[in-house]
Structure formats: structure tokens, C-alpha cells
Amino acid sequence: MTLTVTQTGAEWTTDEYKNLIVIPNVSKKDYNYKIAGNTTDTLTVQGPINLTKVVAGNTFAIVYGKLIKDSIPTPNSGNKPAKFFRDNGVNSFADGNTTV
């Protein structure tokens, strides 16, 4: 199954957004899909798509990553804020400092 998202007059470069993620309805951020390719005005997404969450005219977004959230649900202590670490320097995952 494929889904296309068209933005008339977008003037994108062909495959500029290939392998990025489209959120076809920004009010439903949990429904996001990998972009298989794009033309100058159309994104093509492949895979199982929940069409009940996507309607023509919705505001959509193109983002770099899927699954990046501002909080993470934990099994015993509710939601915890997500933290991102640098690959070097203070508070990196490799600095030997267990305090963040």
C-alpha cells in the first residue's frame, strides 16, 4: 500500500526527503511514516498506513527521526523526560561521568 502527500507548488528537489519521516497529520504525531521518495510536490510513503488518521487538508510535517519523544513511559514510575547525550565531552555517554 502506498500513500501520497501532495503540497501544490512545493518545488522540492526529487528525493530530497527520501528516508525521512512524514507526519501526515501533526495533531496525530504517533502516526508517522518513512518517506520512500518524493517528486517536486508529492511525498510517497510505503507500508501499512492508518488512513483513519489522515485526511486531505491536514497540516503535515517532515522530520528526521521516528520514535524521538520528549518523554519515555517506564513500567514502574510513569513517564520520564528523554535525555540526549553528546558523543564526546562533558555529559557524553563516554566521559565516565555517571551524573547527567
PDB file of N, CA and C in Angstrom:
ATOM      1  N   MET A   1       0.845  -1.172   0.000  1.00  0.00           N
ATOM      2  CA  MET A   1       0.000   0.000   0.000  1.00  0.00           C
ATOM      3  C   MET A   1       0.894   1.240   0.000  1.00  0.00           C
ATOM      4  N   THR A   2       0.518   2.245  -0.746  1.00  0.00           N
ATOM      5  CA  THR A   2       1.265   3.495  -0.744  1.00  0.00           C
ATOM      6  C   THR A   2       0.341   4.657  -0.432  1.00  0.00           C
ATOM      7  N   LEU A   3       0.904   5.681   0.103  1.00  0.00           N
ATOM      8  CA  LEU A   3       0.182   6.916   0.407  1.00  0.00           C
ATOM      9  C   LEU A   3       0.976   8.046  -0.218  1.00  0.00           C
ATOM     10  N   THR A   4       0.289   9.000  -0.798  1.00  0.00           N
ATOM     11  CA  THR A   4       0.981  10.183  -1.285  1.00  0.00           C
ATOM     12  C   THR A   4       0.452  11.405  -0.558  1.00  0.00           C
ATOM     13  N   VAL A   5       1.355  12.304  -0.267  1.00  0.00           N
ATOM     14  CA  VAL A   5       1.018  13.582   0.347  1.00  0.00           C
ATOM     15  C   VAL A   5       1.467  14.646  -0.647  1.00  0.00           C
ATOM     16  N   THR A   6       0.535  15.443  -1.129  1.00  0.00           N
ATOM     17  CA  THR A   6       0.855  16.446  -2.141  1.00  0.00           C
ATOM     18  C   THR A   6       0.757  17.853  -1.569  1.00  0.00           C
ATOM     19  N   GLN A   7       1.760  18.643  -1.862  1.00  0.00           N
ATOM     20  CA  GLN A   7       1.779  20.059  -1.493  1.00  0.00           C
ATOM     21  C   GLN A   7       1.961  20.846  -2.790  1.00  0.00           C
ATOM     22  N   THR A   8       0.869  21.321  -3.343  1.00  0.00           N
ATOM     23  CA  THR A   8       0.917  22.043  -4.603  1.00  0.00           C
ATOM     24  C   THR A   8       1.884  23.222  -4.522  1.00  0.00           C
ATOM     25  N   GLY A   9       2.775  23.295  -5.514  1.00  0.00           N
ATOM     26  CA  GLY A   9       3.732  24.402  -5.575  1.00  0.00           C
ATOM     27  C   GLY A   9       4.925  24.270  -4.647  1.00  0.00           C
ATOM     28  N   ALA A  10       5.151  23.092  -4.071  1.00  0.00           N
ATOM     29  CA  ALA A  10       6.234  22.923  -3.093  1.00  0.00           C
ATOM     30  C   ALA A  10       7.626  23.142  -3.691  1.00  0.00           C
ATOM     31  N   GLU A  11       7.842  22.722  -4.912  1.00  0.00           N
ATOM     32  CA  GLU A  11       9.133  22.852  -5.592  1.00  0.00           C
ATOM     33  C   GLU A  11      10.275  22.157  -4.853  1.00  0.00           C
ATOM     34  N   TRP A  12       9.990  20.954  -4.321  1.00  0.00           N
ATOM     35  CA  TRP A  12      11.024  20.153  -3.673  1.00  0.00           C
ATOM     36  C   TRP A  12      11.969  19.591  -4.724  1.00  0.00           C
ATOM     37  N   THR A  13      13.175  19.278  -4.318  1.00  0.00           N
ATOM     38  CA  THR A  13      14.113  18.560  -5.172  1.00  0.00           C
ATOM     39  C   THR A  13      13.738  17.082  -5.118  1.00  0.00           C
ATOM     40  N   THR A  14      13.783  16.392  -6.266  1.00  0.00           N
ATOM     41  CA  THR A  14      13.425  14.977  -6.309  1.00  0.00           C
ATOM     42  C   THR A  14      14.246  14.190  -5.289  1.00  0.00           C
ATOM     43  N   ASP A  15      13.557  13.387  -4.500  1.00  0.00           N
ATOM     44  CA  ASP A  15      14.125  12.539  -3.439  1.00  0.00           C
ATOM     45  C   ASP A  15      14.863  13.314  -2.338  1.00  0.00           C
ATOM     46  N   GLU A  16      14.594  14.578  -2.213  1.00  0.00           N
ATOM     47  CA  GLU A  16      15.166  15.406  -1.148  1.00  0.00           C
ATOM     48  C   GLU A  16      14.796  14.876   0.238  1.00  0.00           C
ATOM     49  N   TYR A  17      13.598  14.299   0.371  1.00  0.00           N
ATOM     50  CA  TYR A  17      13.110  13.830   1.669  1.00  0.00           C
ATOM     51  C   TYR A  17      13.088  12.312   1.789  1.00  0.00           C
ATOM     52  N   LYS A  18      13.671  11.611   0.831  1.00  0.00           N
ATOM     53  CA  LYS A  18      13.718  10.147   0.869  1.00  0.00           C
ATOM     54  C   LYS A  18      14.376   9.689   2.168  1.00  0.00           C
ATOM     55  N   ASN A  19      13.755   8.718   2.809  1.00  0.00           N
ATOM     56  CA  ASN A  19      14.204   8.106   4.070  1.00  0.00           C
ATOM     57  C   ASN A  19      13.982   8.977   5.304  1.00  0.00           C
ATOM     58  N   LEU A  20      13.395  10.155   5.152  1.00  0.00           N
ATOM     59  CA  LEU A  20      12.986  10.931   6.319  1.00  0.00           C
ATOM     60  C   LEU A  20      11.586  10.472   6.719  1.00  0.00           C
ATOM     61  N   ILE A  21      10.985  11.118   7.683  1.00  0.00           N
ATOM     62  CA  ILE A  21       9.688  10.709   8.217  1.00  0.00           C
ATOM     63  C   ILE A  21       8.665  11.799   7.952  1.00  0.00           C
ATOM     64  N   VAL A  22       7.472  11.402   7.502  1.00  0.00           N
ATOM     65  CA  VAL A  22       6.377  12.353   7.359  1.00  0.00           C
ATOM     66  C   VAL A  22       5.340  12.054   8.432  1.00  0.00           C
ATOM     67  N   ILE A  23       4.868  13.096   9.068  1.00  0.00           N
ATOM     68  CA  ILE A  23       3.724  13.012   9.977  1.00  0.00           C
ATOM     69  C   ILE A  23       2.576  13.633   9.190  1.00  0.00           C
ATOM     70  N   PRO A  24       1.679  12.801   8.614  1.00  0.00           N
ATOM     71  CA  PRO A  24       0.654  13.343   7.727  1.00  0.00           C
ATOM     72  C   PRO A  24      -0.390  14.209   8.419  1.00  0.00           C
ATOM     73  N   ASN A  25      -0.475  14.134   9.731  1.00  0.00           N
ATOM     74  CA  ASN A  25      -1.420  14.953  10.490  1.00  0.00           C
ATOM     75  C   ASN A  25      -0.718  15.329  11.793  1.00  0.00           C
ATOM     76  N   VAL A  26      -0.251  16.560  11.920  1.00  0.00           N
ATOM     77  CA  VAL A  26       0.555  16.938  13.089  1.00  0.00           C
ATOM     78  C   VAL A  26      -0.197  16.840  14.411  1.00  0.00           C
ATOM     79  N   SER A  27      -1.511  16.742  14.363  1.00  0.00           N
ATOM     80  CA  SER A  27      -2.252  16.550  15.614  1.00  0.00           C
ATOM     81  C   SER A  27      -2.279  15.078  16.025  1.00  0.00           C
ATOM     82  N   LYS A  28      -1.729  14.202  15.191  1.00  0.00           N
ATOM     83  CA  LYS A  28      -1.647  12.757  15.471  1.00  0.00           C
ATOM     84  C   LYS A  28      -0.197  12.315  15.271  1.00  0.00           C
ATOM     85  N   LYS A  29       0.713  12.817  16.104  1.00  0.00           N
ATOM     86  CA  LYS A  29       2.146  12.598  15.918  1.00  0.00           C
ATOM     87  C   LYS A  29       2.585  11.144  16.027  1.00  0.00           C
ATOM     88  N   ASP A  30       1.779  10.300  16.672  1.00  0.00           N
ATOM     89  CA  ASP A  30       2.150   8.894  16.782  1.00  0.00           C
ATOM     90  C   ASP A  30       1.992   8.150  15.461  1.00  0.00           C
ATOM     91  N   TYR A  31       1.347   8.763  14.493  1.00  0.00           N
ATOM     92  CA  TYR A  31       1.166   8.155  13.177  1.00  0.00           C
ATOM     93  C   TYR A  31       2.139   8.835  12.227  1.00  0.00           C
ATOM     94  N   ASN A  32       3.274   8.179  12.001  1.00  0.00           N
ATOM     95  CA  ASN A  32       4.318   8.744  11.160  1.00  0.00           C
ATOM     96  C   ASN A  32       4.923   7.644  10.309  1.00  0.00           C
ATOM     97  N   TYR A  33       5.418   8.006   9.139  1.00  0.00           N
ATOM     98  CA  TYR A  33       5.794   7.013   8.141  1.00  0.00           C
ATOM     99  C   TYR A  33       7.079   7.417   7.425  1.00  0.00           C
ATOM    100  N   LYS A  34       7.854   6.416   7.054  1.00  0.00           N
ATOM    101  CA  LYS A  34       9.088   6.653   6.315  1.00  0.00           C
ATOM    102  C   LYS A  34       8.752   7.052   4.881  1.00  0.00           C
ATOM    103  N   ILE A  35       9.436   8.061   4.382  1.00  0.00           N
ATOM    104  CA  ILE A  35       9.218   8.543   3.021  1.00  0.00           C
ATOM    105  C   ILE A  35      10.051   7.691   2.061  1.00  0.00           C
ATOM    106  N   ALA A  36       9.371   7.044   1.099  1.00  0.00           N
ATOM    107  CA  ALA A  36      10.043   6.204   0.113  1.00  0.00           C
ATOM    108  C   ALA A  36      10.697   7.050  -0.978  1.00  0.00           C
ATOM    109  N   GLY A  37      10.173   8.228  -1.210  1.00  0.00           N
ATOM    110  CA  GLY A  37      10.717   9.129  -2.223  1.00  0.00           C
ATOM    111  C   GLY A  37       9.798  10.320  -2.387  1.00  0.00           C
ATOM    112  N   ASN A  38      10.256  11.281  -3.170  1.00  0.00           N
ATOM    113  CA  ASN A  38       9.394  12.432  -3.436  1.00  0.00           C
ATOM    114  C   ASN A  38       9.684  13.025  -4.809  1.00  0.00           C
ATOM    115  N   THR A  39       8.681  13.693  -5.362  1.00  0.00           N
ATOM    116  CA  THR A  39       8.827  14.473  -6.587  1.00  0.00           C
ATOM    117  C   THR A  39       8.862  15.939  -6.178  1.00  0.00           C
ATOM    118  N   THR A  40       8.642  16.825  -7.119  1.00  0.00           N
ATOM    119  CA  THR A  40       8.688  18.251  -6.796  1.00  0.00           C
ATOM    120  C   THR A  40       7.561  18.704  -5.888  1.00  0.00           C
ATOM    121  N   ASP A  41       6.454  17.920  -5.836  1.00  0.00           N
ATOM    122  CA  ASP A  41       5.325  18.337  -4.984  1.00  0.00           C
ATOM    123  C   ASP A  41       4.609  17.196  -4.277  1.00  0.00           C
ATOM    124  N   THR A  42       5.154  15.966  -4.369  1.00  0.00           N
ATOM    125  CA  THR A  42       4.466  14.808  -3.787  1.00  0.00           C
ATOM    126  C   THR A  42       5.433  13.913  -3.022  1.00  0.00           C
ATOM    127  N   LEU A  43       5.060  13.551  -1.792  1.00  0.00           N
ATOM    128  CA  LEU A  43       5.799  12.570  -0.997  1.00  0.00           C
ATOM    129  C   LEU A  43       5.131  11.222  -1.183  1.00  0.00           C
ATOM    130  N   THR A  44       5.920  10.155  -1.318  1.00  0.00           N
ATOM    131  CA  THR A  44       5.376   8.804  -1.414  1.00  0.00           C
ATOM    132  C   THR A  44       5.840   8.007  -0.207  1.00  0.00           C
ATOM    133  N   VAL A  45       4.879   7.390   0.471  1.00  0.00           N
ATOM    134  CA  VAL A  45       5.134   6.597   1.666  1.00  0.00           C
ATOM    135  C   VAL A  45       4.679   5.178   1.377  1.00  0.00           C
ATOM    136  N   GLN A  46       5.465   4.183   1.782  1.00  0.00           N
ATOM    137  CA  GLN A  46       5.057   2.798   1.588  1.00  0.00           C
ATOM    138  C   GLN A  46       4.912   2.106   2.926  1.00  0.00           C
ATOM    139  N   GLY A  47       4.028   1.120   2.960  1.00  0.00           N
ATOM    140  CA  GLY A  47       3.841   0.337   4.164  1.00  0.00           C
ATOM    141  C   GLY A  47       2.431   0.444   4.682  1.00  0.00           C
ATOM    142  N   PRO A  48       2.150  -0.228   5.784  1.00  0.00           N
ATOM    143  CA  PRO A  48       0.805  -0.147   6.365  1.00  0.00           C
ATOM    144  C   PRO A  48       0.554   1.257   6.914  1.00  0.00           C
ATOM    145  N   ILE A  49      -0.540   1.833   6.490  1.00  0.00           N
ATOM    146  CA  ILE A  49      -0.859   3.213   6.849  1.00  0.00           C
ATOM    147  C   ILE A  49      -2.259   3.262   7.434  1.00  0.00           C
ATOM    148  N   ASN A  50      -2.422   3.926   8.555  1.00  0.00           N
ATOM    149  CA  ASN A  50      -3.739   4.080   9.170  1.00  0.00           C
ATOM    150  C   ASN A  50      -4.435   5.274   8.528  1.00  0.00           C
ATOM    151  N   LEU A  51      -5.255   5.001   7.527  1.00  0.00           N
ATOM    152  CA  LEU A  51      -5.915   6.069   6.775  1.00  0.00           C
ATOM    153  C   LEU A  51      -7.024   6.758   7.555  1.00  0.00           C
ATOM    154  N   THR A  52      -7.417   6.218   8.709  1.00  0.00           N
ATOM    155  CA  THR A  52      -8.431   6.905   9.516  1.00  0.00           C
ATOM    156  C   THR A  52      -7.842   8.136  10.209  1.00  0.00           C
ATOM    157  N   LYS A  53      -6.521   8.241  10.245  1.00  0.00           N
ATOM    158  CA  LYS A  53      -5.847   9.364  10.916  1.00  0.00           C
ATOM    159  C   LYS A  53      -5.332  10.418   9.934  1.00  0.00           C
ATOM    160  N   VAL A  54      -5.531  10.188   8.632  1.00  0.00           N
ATOM    161  CA  VAL A  54      -5.011  11.082   7.606  1.00  0.00           C
ATOM    162  C   VAL A  54      -6.160  11.568   6.739  1.00  0.00           C
ATOM    163  N   VAL A  55      -6.333  12.881   6.645  1.00  0.00           N
ATOM    164  CA  VAL A  55      -7.410  13.460   5.848  1.00  0.00           C
ATOM    165  C   VAL A  55      -6.818  14.568   4.981  1.00  0.00           C
ATOM    166  N   ALA A  56      -7.283  14.665   3.741  1.00  0.00           N
ATOM    167  CA  ALA A  56      -6.826  15.747   2.866  1.00  0.00           C
ATOM    168  C   ALA A  56      -7.029  17.086   3.567  1.00  0.00           C
ATOM    169  N   GLY A  57      -6.032  17.929   3.498  1.00  0.00           N
ATOM    170  CA  GLY A  57      -6.116  19.241   4.136  1.00  0.00           C
ATOM    171  C   GLY A  57      -5.438  19.310   5.493  1.00  0.00           C
ATOM    172  N   ASN A  58      -5.060  18.134   6.071  1.00  0.00           N
ATOM    173  CA  ASN A  58      -4.342  18.147   7.350  1.00  0.00           C
ATOM    174  C   ASN A  58      -2.991  18.840   7.192  1.00  0.00           C
ATOM    175  N   THR A  59      -2.541  19.497   8.245  1.00  0.00           N
ATOM    176  CA  THR A  59      -1.187  20.042   8.269  1.00  0.00           C
ATOM    177  C   THR A  59      -0.236  18.882   8.508  1.00  0.00           C
ATOM    178  N   PHE A  60       0.792  18.753   7.672  1.00  0.00           N
ATOM    179  CA  PHE A  60       1.751  17.663   7.824  1.00  0.00           C
ATOM    180  C   PHE A  60       3.132  18.231   8.126  1.00  0.00           C
ATOM    181  N   ALA A  61       4.037  17.332   8.573  1.00  0.00           N
ATOM    182  CA  ALA A  61       5.411  17.738   8.880  1.00  0.00           C
ATOM    183  C   ALA A  61       6.371  16.676   8.374  1.00  0.00           C
ATOM    184  N   ILE A  62       7.561  17.106   8.021  1.00  0.00           N
ATOM    185  CA  ILE A  62       8.636  16.200   7.637  1.00  0.00           C
ATOM    186  C   ILE A  62       9.709  16.342   8.708  1.00  0.00           C
ATOM    187  N   VAL A  63      10.122  15.200   9.298  1.00  0.00           N
ATOM    188  CA  VAL A  63      11.090  15.227  10.393  1.00  0.00           C
ATOM    189  C   VAL A  63      12.204  14.224  10.130  1.00  0.00           C
ATOM    190  N   TYR A  64      13.304  14.358  10.862  1.00  0.00           N
ATOM    191  CA  TYR A  64      14.460  13.493  10.668  1.00  0.00           C
ATOM    192  C   TYR A  64      14.308  12.111  11.275  1.00  0.00           C
ATOM    193  N   GLY A  65      13.652  11.979  12.421  1.00  0.00           N
ATOM    194  CA  GLY A  65      13.622  10.690  13.075  1.00  0.00           C
ATOM    195  C   GLY A  65      12.257  10.299  13.556  1.00  0.00           C
ATOM    196  N   LYS A  66      12.036   9.009  13.594  1.00  0.00           N
ATOM    197  CA  LYS A  66      10.781   8.456  14.115  1.00  0.00           C
ATOM    198  C   LYS A  66      11.001   8.226  15.601  1.00  0.00           C
ATOM    199  N   LEU A  67      10.189   7.863  16.383  1.00  0.00           N
ATOM    200  CA  LEU A  67      10.397   7.398  17.751  1.00  0.00           C
ATOM    201  C   LEU A  67      11.163   8.345  18.670  1.00  0.00           C
ATOM    202  N   ILE A  68      11.457   9.560  18.274  1.00  0.00           N
ATOM    203  CA  ILE A  68      12.104  10.501  19.192  1.00  0.00           C
ATOM    204  C   ILE A  68      10.996  11.235  19.932  1.00  0.00           C
ATOM    205  N   LYS A  69      10.938  11.039  21.216  1.00  0.00           N
ATOM    206  CA  LYS A  69       9.862  11.607  22.034  1.00  0.00           C
ATOM    207  C   LYS A  69      10.461  12.492  23.119  1.00  0.00           C
ATOM    208  N   ASP A  70       9.666  13.378  23.683  1.00  0.00           N
ATOM    209  CA  ASP A  70      10.173  14.208  24.772  1.00  0.00           C
ATOM    210  C   ASP A  70      10.078  13.512  26.120  1.00  0.00           C
ATOM    211  N   SER A  71       9.324  12.410  26.185  1.00  0.00           N
ATOM    212  CA  SER A  71       9.279  11.599  27.403  1.00  0.00           C
ATOM    213  C   SER A  71       9.152  10.133  27.017  1.00  0.00           C
ATOM    214  N   ILE A  72       9.553   9.282  27.952  1.00  0.00           N
ATOM    215  CA  ILE A  72       9.541   7.840  27.716  1.00  0.00           C
ATOM    216  C   ILE A  72       8.748   7.183  28.834  1.00  0.00           C
ATOM    217  N   PRO A  73       7.723   6.368  28.490  1.00  0.00           N
ATOM    218  CA  PRO A  73       6.975   5.674  29.542  1.00  0.00           C
ATOM    219  C   PRO A  73       7.820   4.548  30.136  1.00  0.00           C
ATOM    220  N   THR A  74       7.863   4.473  31.467  1.00  0.00           N
ATOM    221  CA  THR A  74       8.591   3.401  32.143  1.00  0.00           C
ATOM    222  C   THR A  74       7.585   2.485  32.824  1.00  0.00           C
ATOM    223  N   PRO A  75       7.926   1.214  33.009  1.00  0.00           N
ATOM    224  CA  PRO A  75       6.939   0.274  33.554  1.00  0.00           C
ATOM    225  C   PRO A  75       6.520   0.546  34.993  1.00  0.00           C
ATOM    226  N   ASN A  76       7.419   1.112  35.817  1.00  0.00           N
ATOM    227  CA  ASN A  76       7.101   1.248  37.236  1.00  0.00           C
ATOM    228  C   ASN A  76       7.028   2.676  37.765  1.00  0.00           C
ATOM    229  N   SER A  77       7.469   3.651  36.985  1.00  0.00           N
ATOM    230  CA  SER A  77       7.498   5.005  37.548  1.00  0.00           C
ATOM    231  C   SER A  77       6.977   6.083  36.587  1.00  0.00           C
ATOM    232  N   GLY A  78       6.064   5.721  35.731  1.00  0.00           N
ATOM    233  CA  GLY A  78       5.437   6.713  34.856  1.00  0.00           C
ATOM    234  C   GLY A  78       6.360   7.238  33.775  1.00  0.00           C
ATOM    235  N   ASN A  79       6.017   8.375  33.223  1.00  0.00           N
ATOM    236  CA  ASN A  79       6.816   8.979  32.161  1.00  0.00           C
ATOM    237  C   ASN A  79       8.038   9.684  32.728  1.00  0.00           C
ATOM    238  N   LYS A  80       9.154   9.528  32.047  1.00  0.00           N
ATOM    239  CA  LYS A  80      10.403  10.200  32.410  1.00  0.00           C
ATOM    240  C   LYS A  80      10.857  11.026  31.212  1.00  0.00           C
ATOM    241  N   PRO A  81      11.436  12.216  31.463  1.00  0.00           N
ATOM    242  CA  PRO A  81      11.900  13.031  30.336  1.00  0.00           C
ATOM    243  C   PRO A  81      13.035  12.338  29.583  1.00  0.00           C
ATOM    244  N   ALA A  82      13.020  12.434  28.270  1.00  0.00           N
ATOM    245  CA  ALA A  82      14.094  11.867  27.455  1.00  0.00           C
ATOM    246  C   ALA A  82      15.322  12.762  27.575  1.00  0.00           C
ATOM    247  N   LYS A  83      16.504  12.151  27.572  1.00  0.00           N
ATOM    248  CA  LYS A  83      17.757  12.897  27.622  1.00  0.00           C
ATOM    249  C   LYS A  83      18.605  12.465  26.437  1.00  0.00           C
ATOM    250  N   PHE A  84      19.271  13.403  25.833  1.00  0.00           N
ATOM    251  CA  PHE A  84      20.141  13.113  24.707  1.00  0.00           C
ATOM    252  C   PHE A  84      21.570  13.448  25.103  1.00  0.00           C
ATOM    253  N   PHE A  85      22.498  12.586  24.715  1.00  0.00           N
ATOM    254  CA  PHE A  85      23.886  12.720  25.119  1.00  0.00           C
ATOM    255  C   PHE A  85      24.774  12.984  23.914  1.00  0.00           C
ATOM    256  N   ARG A  86      25.793  13.798  24.110  1.00  0.00           N
ATOM    257  CA  ARG A  86      26.782  14.024  23.061  1.00  0.00           C
ATOM    258  C   ARG A  86      27.714  12.822  22.999  1.00  0.00           C
ATOM    259  N   ASP A  87      28.402  12.661  21.858  1.00  0.00           N
ATOM    260  CA  ASP A  87      29.322  11.534  21.728  1.00  0.00           C
ATOM    261  C   ASP A  87      30.702  11.809  22.325  1.00  0.00           C
ATOM    262  N   ASN A  88      30.948  13.046  22.794  1.00  0.00           N
ATOM    263  CA  ASN A  88      32.210  13.339  23.471  1.00  0.00           C
ATOM    264  C   ASN A  88      32.033  14.557  24.363  1.00  0.00           C
ATOM    265  N   GLY A  89      32.975  14.741  25.281  1.00  0.00           N
ATOM    266  CA  GLY A  89      32.921  15.897  26.173  1.00  0.00           C
ATOM    267  C   GLY A  89      32.093  15.660  27.422  1.00  0.00           C
ATOM    268  N   VAL A  90      31.881  16.754  28.181  1.00  0.00           N
ATOM    269  CA  VAL A  90      31.142  16.687  29.438  1.00  0.00           C
ATOM    270  C   VAL A  90      29.726  16.168  29.186  1.00  0.00           C
ATOM    271  N   ASN A  91      29.283  15.284  30.056  1.00  0.00           N
ATOM    272  CA  ASN A  91      27.960  14.652  29.972  1.00  0.00           C
ATOM    273  C   ASN A  91      27.752  13.822  28.709  1.00  0.00           C
ATOM    274  N   SER A  92      28.847  13.387  28.086  1.00  0.00           N
ATOM    275  CA  SER A  92      28.714  12.475  26.955  1.00  0.00           C
ATOM    276  C   SER A  92      28.538  11.070  27.501  1.00  0.00           C
ATOM    277  N   PHE A  93      28.114  10.161  26.659  1.00  0.00           N
ATOM    278  CA  PHE A  93      27.958   8.786  27.123  1.00  0.00           C
ATOM    279  C   PHE A  93      29.314   8.132  27.358  1.00  0.00           C
ATOM    280  N   ALA A  94      30.395   8.763  26.914  1.00  0.00           N
ATOM    281  CA  ALA A  94      31.718   8.158  27.028  1.00  0.00           C
ATOM    282  C   ALA A  94      32.654   8.895  27.986  1.00  0.00           C
ATOM    283  N   ASP A  95      32.171   9.865  28.770  1.00  0.00           N
ATOM    284  CA  ASP A  95      33.077  10.654  29.612  1.00  0.00           C
ATOM    285  C   ASP A  95      33.380  10.022  30.965  1.00  0.00           C
ATOM    286  N   GLY A  96      32.737   8.901  31.271  1.00  0.00           N
ATOM    287  CA  GLY A  96      32.980   8.248  32.542  1.00  0.00           C
ATOM    288  C   GLY A  96      32.240   8.882  33.698  1.00  0.00           C
ATOM    289  N   ASN A  97      31.520   9.934  33.468  1.00  0.00           N
ATOM    290  CA  ASN A  97      30.763  10.632  34.498  1.00  0.00           C
ATOM    291  C   ASN A  97      29.353  10.058  34.513  1.00  0.00           C
ATOM    292  N   THR A  98      28.956   9.484  35.624  1.00  0.00           N
ATOM    293  CA  THR A  98      27.623   8.880  35.690  1.00  0.00           C
ATOM    294  C   THR A  98      26.544   9.896  35.998  1.00  0.00           C
ATOM    295  N   THR A  99      26.941  11.128  36.285  1.00  0.00           N
ATOM    296  CA  THR A  99      25.969  12.181  36.573  1.00  0.00           C
ATOM    297  C   THR A  99      25.659  12.957  35.307  1.00  0.00           C
ATOM    298  N   VAL A 100      24.385  13.136  35.063  1.00  0.00           N
ATOM    299  CA  VAL A 100      23.982  13.895  33.873  1.00  0.00           C
ATOM    300  C   VAL A 100      23.225  15.117  34.310  1.00  0.00           C
TER     301      VAL A 100
END
